[in-house]
Amino acid sequence: MVIRSKWFTSMLGILGIAIFPFIIIKRGYSKEDKLINHERIHIRQEMEMLVIPFYLLYFYYSIRRGYRNNPFEIEAYDNDDNLDYLKTRKLYSWTKHI
């Protein structure tokens, strides 16, 4: 479920976030399809890891390697412009970026 919110995203200083099972994006963002696809990749990552372990590893990698070098973010950024990516994505594809 996609929620468009200017208030929430502005408060956090983000364009979008995936909090299973919701995707919250900045209302009026010009590259909405790409952003939604990026967050859908995160939702798939969350589902395959049963949500809580995803968040634990996500924060671990973000603290240890930084946000942009987090393997979950690398997979999402590398594929967010491919709107068909999730149709062919293999399970645990983010592990290629560890």
PDB file of N, CA and C in Angstrom:
ATOM      1  N   MET A   1       0.845  -1.179   0.000  1.00  0.00           N
ATOM      2  CA  MET A   1       0.000   0.000   0.000  1.00  0.00           C
ATOM      3  C   MET A   1       0.888   1.241   0.000  1.00  0.00           C
ATOM      4  N   VAL A   2       0.678   2.122  -0.957  1.00  0.00           N
ATOM      5  CA  VAL A   2       1.469   3.342  -1.070  1.00  0.00           C
ATOM      6  C   VAL A   2       0.701   4.503  -0.440  1.00  0.00           C
ATOM      7  N   ILE A   3       1.377   5.217   0.439  1.00  0.00           N
ATOM      8  CA  ILE A   3       0.808   6.391   1.095  1.00  0.00           C
ATOM      9  C   ILE A   3       1.641   7.589   0.665  1.00  0.00           C
ATOM     10  N   ARG A   4       0.985   8.626   0.193  1.00  0.00           N
ATOM     11  CA  ARG A   4       1.675   9.855  -0.198  1.00  0.00           C
ATOM     12  C   ARG A   4       1.493  10.880   0.910  1.00  0.00           C
ATOM     13  N   SER A   5       2.596  11.366   1.442  1.00  0.00           N
ATOM     14  CA  SER A   5       2.541  12.289   2.568  1.00  0.00           C
ATOM     15  C   SER A   5       3.650  13.319   2.466  1.00  0.00           C
ATOM     16  N   LYS A   6       3.287  14.565   2.461  1.00  0.00           N
ATOM     17  CA  LYS A   6       4.298  15.614   2.460  1.00  0.00           C
ATOM     18  C   LYS A   6       4.785  15.861   3.886  1.00  0.00           C
ATOM     19  N   TRP A   7       3.878  15.801   4.856  1.00  0.00           N
ATOM     20  CA  TRP A   7       4.219  16.085   6.246  1.00  0.00           C
ATOM     21  C   TRP A   7       5.209  15.062   6.811  1.00  0.00           C
ATOM     22  N   PHE A   8       4.898  13.758   6.685  1.00  0.00           N
ATOM     23  CA  PHE A   8       5.730  12.711   7.275  1.00  0.00           C
ATOM     24  C   PHE A   8       7.119  12.688   6.654  1.00  0.00           C
ATOM     25  N   THR A   9       7.178  12.747   5.328  1.00  0.00           N
ATOM     26  CA  THR A   9       8.475  12.682   4.657  1.00  0.00           C
ATOM     27  C   THR A   9       9.303  13.940   4.943  1.00  0.00           C
ATOM     28  N   SER A  10       8.654  15.082   5.015  1.00  0.00           N
ATOM     29  CA  SER A  10       9.376  16.323   5.336  1.00  0.00           C
ATOM     30  C   SER A  10       9.910  16.282   6.759  1.00  0.00           C
ATOM     31  N   MET A  11       9.116  15.759   7.672  1.00  0.00           N
ATOM     32  CA  MET A  11       9.525  15.670   9.069  1.00  0.00           C
ATOM     33  C   MET A  11      10.794  14.809   9.202  1.00  0.00           C
ATOM     34  N   LEU A  12      10.865  13.714   8.445  1.00  0.00           N
ATOM     35  CA  LEU A  12      12.017  12.821   8.505  1.00  0.00           C
ATOM     36  C   LEU A  12      13.135  13.233   7.551  1.00  0.00           C
ATOM     37  N   GLY A  13      12.847  14.152   6.636  1.00  0.00           N
ATOM     38  CA  GLY A  13      13.844  14.581   5.660  1.00  0.00           C
ATOM     39  C   GLY A  13      14.154  13.509   4.631  1.00  0.00           C
ATOM     40  N   ILE A  14      13.126  12.775   4.194  1.00  0.00           N
ATOM     41  CA  ILE A  14      13.306  11.677   3.240  1.00  0.00           C
ATOM     42  C   ILE A  14      12.340  11.825   2.067  1.00  0.00           C
ATOM     43  N   LEU A  15      12.613  11.109   1.006  1.00  0.00           N
ATOM     44  CA  LEU A  15      11.689  11.054  -0.131  1.00  0.00           C
ATOM     45  C   LEU A  15      10.721   9.887   0.014  1.00  0.00           C
ATOM     46  N   GLY A  16      11.194   8.805   0.617  1.00  0.00           N
ATOM     47  CA  GLY A  16      10.346   7.635   0.774  1.00  0.00           C
ATOM     48  C   GLY A  16      10.919   6.669   1.786  1.00  0.00           C
ATOM     49  N   ILE A  17      10.032   5.789   2.273  1.00  0.00           N
ATOM     50  CA  ILE A  17      10.445   4.774   3.234  1.00  0.00           C
ATOM     51  C   ILE A  17       9.495   3.583   3.124  1.00  0.00           C
ATOM     52  N   ALA A  18      10.042   2.397   3.300  1.00  0.00           N
ATOM     53  CA  ALA A  18       9.252   1.165   3.310  1.00  0.00           C
ATOM     54  C   ALA A  18       9.206   0.647   4.741  1.00  0.00           C
ATOM     55  N   ILE A  19       8.037   0.666   5.310  1.00  0.00           N
ATOM     56  CA  ILE A  19       7.806   0.117   6.649  1.00  0.00           C
ATOM     57  C   ILE A  19       6.722  -0.932   6.468  1.00  0.00           C
ATOM     58  N   PHE A  20       7.155  -2.180   6.405  1.00  0.00           N
ATOM     59  CA  PHE A  20       6.248  -3.271   6.049  1.00  0.00           C
ATOM     60  C   PHE A  20       4.923  -3.163   6.784  1.00  0.00           C
ATOM     61  N   PRO A  21       3.821  -3.218   6.058  1.00  0.00           N
ATOM     62  CA  PRO A  21       3.608  -3.435   4.630  1.00  0.00           C
ATOM     63  C   PRO A  21       3.364  -2.136   3.847  1.00  0.00           C
ATOM     64  N   PHE A  22       3.756  -1.008   4.402  1.00  0.00           N
ATOM     65  CA  PHE A  22       3.463   0.288   3.789  1.00  0.00           C
ATOM     66  C   PHE A  22       4.681   0.893   3.100  1.00  0.00           C
ATOM     67  N   ILE A  23       4.396   1.653   2.044  1.00  0.00           N
ATOM     68  CA  ILE A  23       5.399   2.491   1.398  1.00  0.00           C
ATOM     69  C   ILE A  23       4.893   3.921   1.541  1.00  0.00           C
ATOM     70  N   ILE A  24       5.699   4.759   2.141  1.00  0.00           N
ATOM     71  CA  ILE A  24       5.329   6.160   2.330  1.00  0.00           C
ATOM     72  C   ILE A  24       6.275   6.995   1.486  1.00  0.00           C
ATOM     73  N   ILE A  25       5.711   7.781   0.570  1.00  0.00           N
ATOM     74  CA  ILE A  25       6.538   8.597  -0.313  1.00  0.00           C
ATOM     75  C   ILE A  25       6.098  10.054  -0.238  1.00  0.00           C
ATOM     76  N   LYS A  26       7.015  10.921  -0.631  1.00  0.00           N
ATOM     77  CA  LYS A  26       6.737  12.355  -0.644  1.00  0.00           C
ATOM     78  C   LYS A  26       5.716  12.674  -1.734  1.00  0.00           C
ATOM     79  N   ARG A  27       4.667  13.336  -1.353  1.00  0.00           N
ATOM     80  CA  ARG A  27       3.623  13.726  -2.309  1.00  0.00           C
ATOM     81  C   ARG A  27       4.203  14.690  -3.340  1.00  0.00           C
ATOM     82  N   GLY A  28       3.901  14.427  -4.609  1.00  0.00           N
ATOM     83  CA  GLY A  28       4.320  15.311  -5.676  1.00  0.00           C
ATOM     84  C   GLY A  28       5.742  15.092  -6.170  1.00  0.00           C
ATOM     85  N   TYR A  29       6.413  14.047  -5.722  1.00  0.00           N
ATOM     86  CA  TYR A  29       7.782  13.780  -6.179  1.00  0.00           C
ATOM     87  C   TYR A  29       7.752  13.425  -7.660  1.00  0.00           C
ATOM     88  N   SER A  30       8.620  14.034  -8.450  1.00  0.00           N
ATOM     89  CA  SER A  30       8.564  13.902  -9.910  1.00  0.00           C
ATOM     90  C   SER A  30       8.977  12.521 -10.433  1.00  0.00           C
ATOM     91  N   LYS A  31       9.806  11.799  -9.707  1.00  0.00           N
ATOM     92  CA  LYS A  31      10.235  10.468 -10.154  1.00  0.00           C
ATOM     93  C   LYS A  31       9.542   9.393  -9.310  1.00  0.00           C
ATOM     94  N   GLU A  32       8.237   9.527  -9.194  1.00  0.00           N
ATOM     95  CA  GLU A  32       7.453   8.663  -8.314  1.00  0.00           C
ATOM     96  C   GLU A  32       7.575   7.179  -8.649  1.00  0.00           C
ATOM     97  N   ASP A  33       7.524   6.795  -9.938  1.00  0.00           N
ATOM     98  CA  ASP A  33       7.602   5.381 -10.316  1.00  0.00           C
ATOM     99  C   ASP A  33       8.909   4.754  -9.847  1.00  0.00           C
ATOM    100  N   LYS A  34      10.006   5.466 -10.054  1.00  0.00           N
ATOM    101  CA  LYS A  34      11.320   4.971  -9.643  1.00  0.00           C
ATOM    102  C   LYS A  34      11.395   4.842  -8.119  1.00  0.00           C
ATOM    103  N   LEU A  35      10.875   5.833  -7.406  1.00  0.00           N
ATOM    104  CA  LEU A  35      10.886   5.809  -5.945  1.00  0.00           C
ATOM    105  C   LEU A  35      10.028   4.674  -5.396  1.00  0.00           C
ATOM    106  N   ILE A  36       8.844   4.500  -5.958  1.00  0.00           N
ATOM    107  CA  ILE A  36       7.975   3.402  -5.512  1.00  0.00           C
ATOM    108  C   ILE A  36       8.645   2.063  -5.792  1.00  0.00           C
ATOM    109  N   ASN A  37       9.273   1.910  -6.947  1.00  0.00           N
ATOM    110  CA  ASN A  37       9.963   0.662  -7.265  1.00  0.00           C
ATOM    111  C   ASN A  37      11.098   0.400  -6.275  1.00  0.00           C
ATOM    112  N   HIS A  38      11.856   1.439  -5.932  1.00  0.00           N
ATOM    113  CA  HIS A  38      12.935   1.324  -4.958  1.00  0.00           C
ATOM    114  C   HIS A  38      12.381   0.796  -3.628  1.00  0.00           C
ATOM    115  N   GLU A  39      11.285   1.383  -3.178  1.00  0.00           N
ATOM    116  CA  GLU A  39      10.703   0.965  -1.902  1.00  0.00           C
ATOM    117  C   GLU A  39      10.059  -0.417  -1.997  1.00  0.00           C
ATOM    118  N   ARG A  40       9.532  -0.778  -3.157  1.00  0.00           N
ATOM    119  CA  ARG A  40       8.990  -2.143  -3.336  1.00  0.00           C
ATOM    120  C   ARG A  40      10.100  -3.184  -3.234  1.00  0.00           C
ATOM    121  N   ILE A  41      11.275  -2.849  -3.715  1.00  0.00           N
ATOM    122  CA  ILE A  41      12.416  -3.764  -3.566  1.00  0.00           C
ATOM    123  C   ILE A  41      12.687  -3.978  -2.083  1.00  0.00           C
ATOM    124  N   HIS A  42      12.633  -2.907  -1.292  1.00  0.00           N
ATOM    125  CA  HIS A  42      12.817  -3.054   0.160  1.00  0.00           C
ATOM    126  C   HIS A  42      11.712  -3.901   0.791  1.00  0.00           C
ATOM    127  N   ILE A  43      10.476  -3.716   0.347  1.00  0.00           N
ATOM    128  CA  ILE A  43       9.379  -4.535   0.878  1.00  0.00           C
ATOM    129  C   ILE A  43       9.649  -6.009   0.595  1.00  0.00           C
ATOM    130  N   ARG A  44      10.126  -6.330  -0.603  1.00  0.00           N
ATOM    131  CA  ARG A  44      10.451  -7.722  -0.942  1.00  0.00           C
ATOM    132  C   ARG A  44      11.579  -8.238  -0.052  1.00  0.00           C
ATOM    133  N   GLN A  45      12.598  -7.405   0.183  1.00  0.00           N
ATOM    134  CA  GLN A  45      13.689  -7.790   1.077  1.00  0.00           C
ATOM    135  C   GLN A  45      13.155  -8.050   2.480  1.00  0.00           C
ATOM    136  N   GLU A  46      12.270  -7.189   2.950  1.00  0.00           N
ATOM    137  CA  GLU A  46      11.681  -7.356   4.283  1.00  0.00           C
ATOM    138  C   GLU A  46      10.897  -8.655   4.369  1.00  0.00           C
ATOM    139  N   MET A  47      10.109  -8.959   3.341  1.00  0.00           N
ATOM    140  CA  MET A  47       9.292 -10.173   3.351  1.00  0.00           C
ATOM    141  C   MET A  47      10.151 -11.429   3.373  1.00  0.00           C
ATOM    142  N   GLU A  48      11.205 -11.463   2.557  1.00  0.00           N
ATOM    143  CA  GLU A  48      12.011 -12.670   2.480  1.00  0.00           C
ATOM    144  C   GLU A  48      12.799 -12.908   3.768  1.00  0.00           C
ATOM    145  N   MET A  49      12.980 -11.859   4.562  1.00  0.00           N
ATOM    146  CA  MET A  49      13.707 -12.008   5.824  1.00  0.00           C
ATOM    147  C   MET A  49      12.778 -11.984   7.039  1.00  0.00           C
ATOM    148  N   LEU A  50      11.472 -12.029   6.794  1.00  0.00           N
ATOM    149  CA  LEU A  50      10.467 -12.049   7.859  1.00  0.00           C
ATOM    150  C   LEU A  50      10.499 -10.778   8.723  1.00  0.00           C
ATOM    151  N   VAL A  51      10.736  -9.666   8.100  1.00  0.00           N
ATOM    152  CA  VAL A  51      10.642  -8.288   8.593  1.00  0.00           C
ATOM    153  C   VAL A  51      11.658  -7.931   9.675  1.00  0.00           C
ATOM    154  N   ILE A  52      11.540  -8.442  10.881  1.00  0.00           N
ATOM    155  CA  ILE A  52      12.403  -8.005  11.989  1.00  0.00           C
ATOM    156  C   ILE A  52      13.890  -8.260  11.699  1.00  0.00           C
ATOM    157  N   PRO A  53      14.288  -9.450  11.246  1.00  0.00           N
ATOM    158  CA  PRO A  53      15.706  -9.646  10.917  1.00  0.00           C
ATOM    159  C   PRO A  53      16.195  -8.663   9.849  1.00  0.00           C
ATOM    160  N   PHE A  54      15.305  -8.296   8.911  1.00  0.00           N
ATOM    161  CA  PHE A  54      15.683  -7.299   7.908  1.00  0.00           C
ATOM    162  C   PHE A  54      16.092  -6.002   8.589  1.00  0.00           C
ATOM    163  N   TYR A  55      15.249  -5.495   9.483  1.00  0.00           N
ATOM    164  CA  TYR A  55      15.549  -4.222  10.146  1.00  0.00           C
ATOM    165  C   TYR A  55      16.828  -4.303  10.962  1.00  0.00           C
ATOM    166  N   LEU A  56      17.053  -5.416  11.640  1.00  0.00           N
ATOM    167  CA  LEU A  56      18.278  -5.566  12.424  1.00  0.00           C
ATOM    168  C   LEU A  56      19.511  -5.511  11.525  1.00  0.00           C
ATOM    169  N   LEU A  57      19.481  -6.271  10.421  1.00  0.00           N
ATOM    170  CA  LEU A  57      20.613  -6.254   9.492  1.00  0.00           C
ATOM    171  C   LEU A  57      20.734  -4.924   8.772  1.00  0.00           C
ATOM    172  N   TYR A  58      19.622  -4.308   8.437  1.00  0.00           N
ATOM    173  CA  TYR A  58      19.649  -3.018   7.755  1.00  0.00           C
ATOM    174  C   TYR A  58      20.377  -1.983   8.614  1.00  0.00           C
ATOM    175  N   PHE A  59      20.013  -1.920   9.884  1.00  0.00           N
ATOM    176  CA  PHE A  59      20.663  -0.953  10.780  1.00  0.00           C
ATOM    177  C   PHE A  59      22.121  -1.323  11.038  1.00  0.00           C
ATOM    178  N   TYR A  60      22.403  -2.606  11.144  1.00  0.00           N
ATOM    179  CA  TYR A  60      23.783  -3.048  11.327  1.00  0.00           C
ATOM    180  C   TYR A  60      24.652  -2.576  10.163  1.00  0.00           C
ATOM    181  N   TYR A  61      24.217  -2.862   8.926  1.00  0.00           N
ATOM    182  CA  TYR A  61      24.997  -2.460   7.753  1.00  0.00           C
ATOM    183  C   TYR A  61      25.072  -0.944   7.600  1.00  0.00           C
ATOM    184  N   SER A  62      23.985  -0.248   7.938  1.00  0.00           N
ATOM    185  CA  SER A  62      24.001   1.214   7.828  1.00  0.00           C
ATOM    186  C   SER A  62      25.005   1.832   8.792  1.00  0.00           C
ATOM    187  N   ILE A  63      25.063   1.304  10.003  1.00  0.00           N
ATOM    188  CA  ILE A  63      26.007   1.820  11.000  1.00  0.00           C
ATOM    189  C   ILE A  63      27.438   1.449  10.607  1.00  0.00           C
ATOM    190  N   ARG A  64      27.620   0.220  10.195  1.00  0.00           N
ATOM    191  CA  ARG A  64      28.958  -0.276   9.895  1.00  0.00           C
ATOM    192  C   ARG A  64      29.529   0.261   8.574  1.00  0.00           C
ATOM    193  N   ARG A  65      28.682   0.356   7.531  1.00  0.00           N
ATOM    194  CA  ARG A  65      29.167   0.701   6.197  1.00  0.00           C
ATOM    195  C   ARG A  65      28.623   2.021   5.669  1.00  0.00           C
ATOM    196  N   GLY A  66      27.627   2.580   6.339  1.00  0.00           N
ATOM    197  CA  GLY A  66      26.996   3.798   5.846  1.00  0.00           C
ATOM    198  C   GLY A  66      25.761   3.476   5.029  1.00  0.00           C
ATOM    199  N   TYR A  67      24.862   4.428   4.966  1.00  0.00           N
ATOM    200  CA  TYR A  67      23.571   4.229   4.287  1.00  0.00           C
ATOM    201  C   TYR A  67      23.735   3.749   2.849  1.00  0.00           C
ATOM    202  N   ARG A  68      24.516   4.425   2.067  1.00  0.00           N
ATOM    203  CA  ARG A  68      24.598   4.128   0.629  1.00  0.00           C
ATOM    204  C   ARG A  68      25.375   2.849   0.334  1.00  0.00           C
ATOM    205  N   ASN A  69      26.218   2.392   1.257  1.00  0.00           N
ATOM    206  CA  ASN A  69      26.981   1.156   1.072  1.00  0.00           C
ATOM    207  C   ASN A  69      26.329  -0.043   1.743  1.00  0.00           C
ATOM    208  N   ASN A  70      25.133   0.145   2.229  1.00  0.00           N
ATOM    209  CA  ASN A  70      24.332  -0.922   2.814  1.00  0.00           C
ATOM    210  C   ASN A  70      23.903  -1.852   1.658  1.00  0.00           C
ATOM    211  N   PRO A  71      24.101  -3.171   1.762  1.00  0.00           N
ATOM    212  CA  PRO A  71      23.773  -4.057   0.639  1.00  0.00           C
ATOM    213  C   PRO A  71      22.301  -3.999   0.216  1.00  0.00           C
ATOM    214  N   PHE A  72      21.396  -3.706   1.149  1.00  0.00           N
ATOM    215  CA  PHE A  72      19.981  -3.575   0.797  1.00  0.00           C
ATOM    216  C   PHE A  72      19.763  -2.353  -0.088  1.00  0.00           C
ATOM    217  N   GLU A  73      20.447  -1.258   0.237  1.00  0.00           N
ATOM    218  CA  GLU A  73      20.333  -0.034  -0.557  1.00  0.00           C
ATOM    219  C   GLU A  73      21.031  -0.179  -1.906  1.00  0.00           C
ATOM    220  N   ILE A  74      22.157  -0.871  -1.925  1.00  0.00           N
ATOM    221  CA  ILE A  74      22.861  -1.067  -3.197  1.00  0.00           C
ATOM    222  C   ILE A  74      21.951  -1.797  -4.180  1.00  0.00           C
ATOM    223  N   GLU A  75      21.321  -2.880  -3.719  1.00  0.00           N
ATOM    224  CA  GLU A  75      20.411  -3.607  -4.610  1.00  0.00           C
ATOM    225  C   GLU A  75      19.266  -2.708  -5.070  1.00  0.00           C
ATOM    226  N   ALA A  76      18.664  -1.970  -4.147  1.00  0.00           N
ATOM    227  CA  ALA A  76      17.521  -1.125  -4.504  1.00  0.00           C
ATOM    228  C   ALA A  76      17.920  -0.004  -5.466  1.00  0.00           C
ATOM    229  N   TYR A  77      19.034   0.681  -5.192  1.00  0.00           N
ATOM    230  CA  TYR A  77      19.474   1.755  -6.090  1.00  0.00           C
ATOM    231  C   TYR A  77      19.890   1.220  -7.453  1.00  0.00           C
ATOM    232  N   ASP A  78      20.552   0.071  -7.485  1.00  0.00           N
ATOM    233  CA  ASP A  78      21.001  -0.491  -8.767  1.00  0.00           C
ATOM    234  C   ASP A  78      19.835  -0.896  -9.671  1.00  0.00           C
ATOM    235  N   ASN A  79      18.661  -1.149  -9.088  1.00  0.00           N
ATOM    236  CA  ASN A  79      17.552  -1.698  -9.862  1.00  0.00           C
ATOM    237  C   ASN A  79      16.271  -0.868  -9.828  1.00  0.00           C
ATOM    238  N   ASP A  80      16.294   0.292  -9.191  1.00  0.00           N
ATOM    239  CA  ASP A  80      15.044   1.043  -9.060  1.00  0.00           C
ATOM    240  C   ASP A  80      14.524   1.625 -10.364  1.00  0.00           C
ATOM    241  N   ASP A  81      15.368   1.751 -11.366  1.00  0.00           N
ATOM    242  CA  ASP A  81      14.896   2.253 -12.659  1.00  0.00           C
ATOM    243  C   ASP A  81      14.373   1.131 -13.565  1.00  0.00           C
ATOM    244  N   ASN A  82      14.537  -0.116 -13.151  1.00  0.00           N
ATOM    245  CA  ASN A  82      14.026  -1.275 -13.891  1.00  0.00           C
ATOM    246  C   ASN A  82      12.698  -1.685 -13.260  1.00  0.00           C
ATOM    247  N   LEU A  83      11.602  -1.210 -13.833  1.00  0.00           N
ATOM    248  CA  LEU A  83      10.287  -1.460 -13.238  1.00  0.00           C
ATOM    249  C   LEU A  83       9.858  -2.922 -13.324  1.00  0.00           C
ATOM    250  N   ASP A  84      10.589  -3.753 -14.073  1.00  0.00           N
ATOM    251  CA  ASP A  84      10.303  -5.187 -14.154  1.00  0.00           C
ATOM    252  C   ASP A  84      11.233  -6.025 -13.274  1.00  0.00           C
ATOM    253  N   TYR A  85      12.098  -5.391 -12.530  1.00  0.00           N
ATOM    254  CA  TYR A  85      13.107  -6.103 -11.741  1.00  0.00           C
ATOM    255  C   TYR A  85      12.503  -7.147 -10.808  1.00  0.00           C
ATOM    256  N   LEU A  86      11.441  -6.801 -10.113  1.00  0.00           N
ATOM    257  CA  LEU A  86      10.879  -7.726  -9.125  1.00  0.00           C
ATOM    258  C   LEU A  86      10.267  -8.971  -9.762  1.00  0.00           C
ATOM    259  N   LYS A  87       9.989  -8.924 -11.049  1.00  0.00           N
ATOM    260  CA  LYS A  87       9.437 -10.098 -11.744  1.00  0.00           C
ATOM    261  C   LYS A  87      10.483 -11.200 -11.902  1.00  0.00           C
ATOM    262  N   THR A  88      11.767 -10.813 -11.950  1.00  0.00           N
ATOM    263  CA  THR A  88      12.829 -11.795 -12.184  1.00  0.00           C
ATOM    264  C   THR A  88      13.830 -11.883 -11.028  1.00  0.00           C
ATOM    265  N   ARG A  89      13.635 -11.078 -10.012  1.00  0.00           N
ATOM    266  CA  ARG A  89      14.577 -11.036  -8.888  1.00  0.00           C
ATOM    267  C   ARG A  89      14.627 -12.386  -8.171  1.00  0.00           C
ATOM    268  N   LYS A  90      15.848 -12.841  -7.897  1.00  0.00           N
ATOM    269  CA  LYS A  90      16.038 -14.075  -7.144  1.00  0.00           C
ATOM    270  C   LYS A  90      16.059 -13.761  -5.640  1.00  0.00           C
ATOM    271  N   LEU A  91      15.659 -14.733  -4.838  1.00  0.00           N
ATOM    272  CA  LEU A  91      15.681 -14.559  -3.385  1.00  0.00           C
ATOM    273  C   LEU A  91      17.070 -14.169  -2.896  1.00  0.00           C
ATOM    274  N   TYR A  92      17.098 -13.295  -1.925  1.00  0.00           N
ATOM    275  CA  TYR A  92      18.328 -12.861  -1.268  1.00  0.00           C
ATOM    276  C   TYR A  92      19.344 -12.252  -2.237  1.00  0.00           C
ATOM    277  N   SER A  93      18.860 -11.569  -3.263  1.00  0.00           N
ATOM    278  CA  SER A  93      19.764 -10.929  -4.226  1.00  0.00           C
ATOM    279  C   SER A  93      20.653  -9.873  -3.585  1.00  0.00           C
ATOM    280  N   TRP A  94      20.222  -9.301  -2.487  1.00  0.00           N
ATOM    281  CA  TRP A  94      21.022  -8.280  -1.794  1.00  0.00           C
ATOM    282  C   TRP A  94      22.338  -8.860  -1.293  1.00  0.00           C
ATOM    283  N   THR A  95      22.426 -10.175  -1.093  1.00  0.00           N
ATOM    284  CA  THR A  95      23.658 -10.759  -0.547  1.00  0.00           C
ATOM    285  C   THR A  95      24.819 -10.675  -1.529  1.00  0.00           C
ATOM    286  N   LYS A  96      24.562 -10.403  -2.795  1.00  0.00           N
ATOM    287  CA  LYS A  96      25.638 -10.210  -3.766  1.00  0.00           C
ATOM    288  C   LYS A  96      26.464  -8.970  -3.439  1.00  0.00           C
ATOM    289  N   HIS A  97      25.902  -8.074  -2.622  1.00  0.00           N
ATOM    290  CA  HIS A  97      26.530  -6.791  -2.335  1.00  0.00           C
ATOM    291  C   HIS A  97      27.185  -6.731  -0.948  1.00  0.00           C
ATOM    292  N   ILE A  98      27.290  -7.873  -0.304  1.00  0.00           N
ATOM    293  CA  ILE A  98      27.918  -7.882   1.038  1.00  0.00           C
ATOM    294  C   ILE A  98      29.417  -7.735   0.898  1.00  0.00           C
TER     295      ILE A  98
END
